[in-house]
Amino acid sequence: MSTSQTEIDTPISANTQAILLLTAPLITGRGEHSKELLTAGEYAKLARFLRHKECQPADLVAAGASELVLELGKIVNSDRLQRLVA
């Protein structure tokens, strides 16, 4: 490997995975942002709600997250949220 190449061996955390699924345009090539992704403001509200519930983003991708997703429907449409983390 040359000195200009970097290899990352560390897998991303479940929290990082959930945040990326909710906010980052991971599918490239369309040249437009998905209307499904959370805006910065929506994510901030979601993060405050999770903190209040003593939860974290990883809880949205864990088994049994459907109840939490339904609770978050007060902030973000539950169907939209489910599609993002599926």
N, C-alpha and C. Protein backbone atom coordinates (compact mmCIF):
# COMPACT_ATOMS: atom_id res chain seq x y z
N MET A 1 0.85 -1.17 0.00
CA MET A 1 0.00 0.00 0.00
C MET A 1 0.90 1.23 0.00
N SER A 2 0.58 2.20 -0.83
CA SER A 2 1.38 3.42 -0.87
C SER A 2 1.05 4.30 0.33
N THR A 3 1.90 5.27 0.57
CA THR A 3 1.68 6.15 1.71
C THR A 3 0.49 7.07 1.51
N SER A 4 0.01 7.23 0.26
CA SER A 4 -1.15 8.10 0.03
C SER A 4 -2.47 7.37 0.23
N GLN A 5 -2.43 6.07 0.34
CA GLN A 5 -3.65 5.30 0.58
C GLN A 5 -3.82 5.06 2.07
N THR A 6 -5.08 5.10 2.51
CA THR A 6 -5.39 4.84 3.90
C THR A 6 -6.36 3.69 3.96
N GLU A 7 -6.08 2.76 4.83
CA GLU A 7 -6.98 1.62 5.00
C GLU A 7 -7.64 1.74 6.37
N ILE A 8 -8.94 1.59 6.39
CA ILE A 8 -9.67 1.66 7.64
C ILE A 8 -10.15 0.26 7.98
N ASP A 9 -9.69 -0.25 9.10
CA ASP A 9 -10.06 -1.58 9.53
C ASP A 9 -11.14 -1.56 10.61
N THR A 10 -11.44 -0.40 11.13
CA THR A 10 -12.39 -0.30 12.23
C THR A 10 -13.80 -0.20 11.68
N PRO A 11 -14.68 -1.12 12.07
CA PRO A 11 -16.07 -1.02 11.62
C PRO A 11 -16.74 0.18 12.28
N ILE A 12 -17.75 0.71 11.61
CA ILE A 12 -18.45 1.85 12.20
C ILE A 12 -19.36 1.36 13.33
N SER A 13 -19.59 2.23 14.28
CA SER A 13 -20.43 1.87 15.42
C SER A 13 -21.90 1.85 14.99
N ALA A 14 -22.71 1.22 15.78
CA ALA A 14 -24.15 1.18 15.50
C ALA A 14 -24.75 2.58 15.53
N ASN A 15 -24.24 3.45 16.41
CA ASN A 15 -24.72 4.83 16.45
C ASN A 15 -24.39 5.55 15.14
N THR A 16 -23.17 5.40 14.67
CA THR A 16 -22.77 6.03 13.41
C THR A 16 -23.60 5.49 12.26
N GLN A 17 -23.81 4.18 12.23
CA GLN A 17 -24.61 3.56 11.18
C GLN A 17 -26.02 4.17 11.16
N ALA A 18 -26.64 4.29 12.31
CA ALA A 18 -28.00 4.84 12.39
C ALA A 18 -28.03 6.29 11.93
N ILE A 19 -27.06 7.09 12.36
CA ILE A 19 -27.01 8.50 11.99
C ILE A 19 -26.84 8.64 10.48
N LEU A 20 -25.97 7.83 9.89
CA LEU A 20 -25.78 7.87 8.44
C LEU A 20 -27.04 7.47 7.69
N LEU A 21 -27.73 6.45 8.16
CA LEU A 21 -28.96 6.02 7.51
C LEU A 21 -30.02 7.12 7.54
N LEU A 22 -30.04 7.88 8.61
CA LEU A 22 -31.05 8.92 8.77
C LEU A 22 -30.73 10.21 8.02
N THR A 23 -29.45 10.52 7.85
CA THR A 23 -29.10 11.86 7.38
C THR A 23 -28.21 11.94 6.15
N ALA A 24 -27.51 10.89 5.81
CA ALA A 24 -26.51 10.98 4.74
C ALA A 24 -27.01 10.40 3.42
N PRO A 25 -26.75 11.11 2.33
CA PRO A 25 -27.12 10.58 1.02
C PRO A 25 -26.13 9.48 0.62
N LEU A 26 -26.45 8.25 0.97
CA LEU A 26 -25.53 7.13 0.76
C LEU A 26 -25.59 6.55 -0.65
N ILE A 27 -26.66 6.80 -1.36
CA ILE A 27 -26.80 6.32 -2.73
C ILE A 27 -26.43 7.48 -3.64
N THR A 28 -25.36 7.30 -4.41
CA THR A 28 -24.89 8.38 -5.26
C THR A 28 -25.33 8.17 -6.70
N GLY A 29 -25.17 9.20 -7.50
CA GLY A 29 -25.45 9.08 -8.92
C GLY A 29 -26.70 9.79 -9.37
N ARG A 30 -27.55 10.21 -8.47
CA ARG A 30 -28.78 10.87 -8.87
C ARG A 30 -28.64 12.39 -8.90
N GLY A 31 -27.67 12.92 -8.20
CA GLY A 31 -27.45 14.35 -8.21
C GLY A 31 -28.48 15.14 -7.42
N GLU A 32 -29.31 14.49 -6.65
CA GLU A 32 -30.30 15.18 -5.84
C GLU A 32 -30.40 14.50 -4.49
N HIS A 33 -30.70 15.27 -3.48
CA HIS A 33 -30.84 14.70 -2.14
C HIS A 33 -32.21 14.05 -2.01
N SER A 34 -32.24 12.97 -1.30
CA SER A 34 -33.50 12.28 -1.06
C SER A 34 -34.38 13.11 -0.14
N LYS A 35 -35.64 13.21 -0.47
CA LYS A 35 -36.59 13.93 0.38
C LYS A 35 -36.88 13.13 1.65
N GLU A 36 -36.49 11.88 1.66
CA GLU A 36 -36.70 11.03 2.82
C GLU A 36 -35.74 11.36 3.97
N LEU A 37 -34.51 11.75 3.62
CA LEU A 37 -33.50 11.99 4.65
C LEU A 37 -33.96 13.06 5.63
N LEU A 38 -33.53 12.94 6.86
CA LEU A 38 -33.87 13.93 7.86
C LEU A 38 -33.06 15.20 7.64
N THR A 39 -33.71 16.32 7.84
CA THR A 39 -32.98 17.59 7.81
C THR A 39 -32.20 17.72 9.10
N ALA A 40 -31.32 18.69 9.15
CA ALA A 40 -30.55 18.92 10.38
C ALA A 40 -31.49 19.22 11.55
N GLY A 41 -32.51 20.01 11.29
CA GLY A 41 -33.47 20.35 12.35
C GLY A 41 -34.25 19.14 12.83
N GLU A 42 -34.68 18.29 11.89
CA GLU A 42 -35.41 17.08 12.28
C GLU A 42 -34.52 16.16 13.09
N TYR A 43 -33.26 16.02 12.65
CA TYR A 43 -32.36 15.14 13.40
C TYR A 43 -32.10 15.69 14.80
N ALA A 44 -31.97 17.00 14.92
CA ALA A 44 -31.75 17.60 16.24
C ALA A 44 -32.93 17.30 17.17
N LYS A 45 -34.15 17.42 16.66
CA LYS A 45 -35.33 17.11 17.47
C LYS A 45 -35.35 15.63 17.85
N LEU A 46 -35.02 14.77 16.88
CA LEU A 46 -34.99 13.33 17.13
C LEU A 46 -33.93 13.01 18.19
N ALA A 47 -32.77 13.63 18.08
CA ALA A 47 -31.68 13.38 19.05
C ALA A 47 -32.08 13.83 20.45
N ARG A 48 -32.75 14.99 20.56
CA ARG A 48 -33.21 15.46 21.88
C ARG A 48 -34.21 14.48 22.47
N PHE A 49 -35.13 13.98 21.64
CA PHE A 49 -36.13 13.02 22.11
C PHE A 49 -35.44 11.74 22.59
N LEU A 50 -34.48 11.25 21.82
CA LEU A 50 -33.75 10.03 22.21
C LEU A 50 -33.02 10.24 23.53
N ARG A 51 -32.37 11.39 23.68
CA ARG A 51 -31.66 11.68 24.93
C ARG A 51 -32.63 11.71 26.11
N HIS A 52 -33.78 12.35 25.90
CA HIS A 52 -34.81 12.42 26.94
C HIS A 52 -35.28 11.03 27.36
N LYS A 53 -35.37 10.11 26.39
CA LYS A 53 -35.80 8.73 26.66
C LYS A 53 -34.63 7.84 27.11
N GLU A 54 -33.45 8.45 27.27
CA GLU A 54 -32.23 7.71 27.62
C GLU A 54 -31.93 6.62 26.58
N CYS A 55 -32.12 6.98 25.33
CA CYS A 55 -31.83 6.10 24.20
C CYS A 55 -30.75 6.75 23.36
N GLN A 56 -30.32 6.03 22.34
CA GLN A 56 -29.33 6.55 21.42
C GLN A 56 -29.69 6.11 20.01
N PRO A 57 -29.08 6.70 18.98
CA PRO A 57 -29.43 6.35 17.60
C PRO A 57 -29.34 4.85 17.31
N ALA A 58 -28.40 4.16 17.92
CA ALA A 58 -28.25 2.72 17.69
C ALA A 58 -29.51 1.95 18.05
N ASP A 59 -30.29 2.49 18.97
CA ASP A 59 -31.52 1.81 19.36
C ASP A 59 -32.53 1.75 18.22
N LEU A 60 -32.37 2.61 17.21
CA LEU A 60 -33.27 2.62 16.06
C LEU A 60 -32.97 1.50 15.07
N VAL A 61 -31.77 0.94 15.13
CA VAL A 61 -31.41 -0.16 14.22
C VAL A 61 -31.31 -1.49 14.96
N ALA A 62 -31.61 -1.48 16.25
CA ALA A 62 -31.56 -2.71 17.06
C ALA A 62 -32.85 -3.50 16.87
N ALA A 63 -32.78 -4.78 17.19
CA ALA A 63 -33.98 -5.60 17.17
C ALA A 63 -34.99 -5.03 18.16
N GLY A 64 -36.23 -5.01 17.77
CA GLY A 64 -37.28 -4.51 18.66
C GLY A 64 -37.40 -3.00 18.68
N ALA A 65 -36.90 -2.33 17.64
CA ALA A 65 -36.93 -0.86 17.61
C ALA A 65 -38.28 -0.30 17.20
N SER A 66 -39.22 -1.15 16.81
CA SER A 66 -40.48 -0.65 16.26
C SER A 66 -41.26 0.22 17.24
N GLU A 67 -41.23 -0.10 18.52
CA GLU A 67 -41.94 0.71 19.52
C GLU A 67 -41.33 2.12 19.61
N LEU A 68 -40.00 2.18 19.61
CA LEU A 68 -39.32 3.47 19.65
C LEU A 68 -39.62 4.28 18.39
N VAL A 69 -39.61 3.62 17.24
CA VAL A 69 -39.93 4.30 15.98
C VAL A 69 -41.34 4.88 16.03
N LEU A 70 -42.27 4.13 16.59
CA LEU A 70 -43.64 4.64 16.72
C LEU A 70 -43.70 5.85 17.64
N GLU A 71 -42.96 5.81 18.74
CA GLU A 71 -42.91 6.95 19.65
C GLU A 71 -42.33 8.19 18.97
N LEU A 72 -41.35 7.98 18.12
CA LEU A 72 -40.73 9.08 17.41
C LEU A 72 -41.63 9.66 16.33
N GLY A 73 -42.75 9.00 16.06
CA GLY A 73 -43.72 9.49 15.09
C GLY A 73 -44.25 10.86 15.45
N LYS A 74 -44.07 11.27 16.70
CA LYS A 74 -44.46 12.62 17.12
C LYS A 74 -43.55 13.66 16.48
N ILE A 75 -42.35 13.24 16.09
CA ILE A 75 -41.34 14.15 15.54
C ILE A 75 -41.18 13.96 14.04
N VAL A 76 -41.05 12.70 13.63
CA VAL A 76 -40.84 12.34 12.22
C VAL A 76 -41.83 11.24 11.90
N ASN A 77 -42.45 11.32 10.74
CA ASN A 77 -43.40 10.29 10.32
C ASN A 77 -42.78 8.90 10.52
N SER A 78 -43.50 8.04 11.23
CA SER A 78 -42.99 6.70 11.58
C SER A 78 -42.65 5.87 10.35
N ASP A 79 -43.49 5.94 9.31
CA ASP A 79 -43.22 5.17 8.08
C ASP A 79 -41.92 5.65 7.42
N ARG A 80 -41.75 6.94 7.37
CA ARG A 80 -40.53 7.51 6.79
C ARG A 80 -39.31 7.07 7.60
N LEU A 81 -39.40 7.16 8.90
CA LEU A 81 -38.30 6.76 9.76
C LEU A 81 -37.97 5.29 9.59
N GLN A 82 -38.99 4.46 9.51
CA GLN A 82 -38.79 3.02 9.32
C GLN A 82 -38.09 2.74 7.99
N ARG A 83 -38.48 3.45 6.93
CA ARG A 83 -37.83 3.26 5.62
C ARG A 83 -36.36 3.64 5.69
N LEU A 84 -36.04 4.69 6.41
CA LEU A 84 -34.66 5.15 6.51
C LEU A 84 -33.76 4.16 7.25
N VAL A 85 -34.25 3.57 8.30
CA VAL A 85 -33.40 2.68 9.10
C VAL A 85 -33.51 1.21 8.69
N ALA A 86 -34.37 0.91 7.75
CA ALA A 86 -34.55 -0.50 7.31
C ALA A 86 -33.33 -1.00 6.56
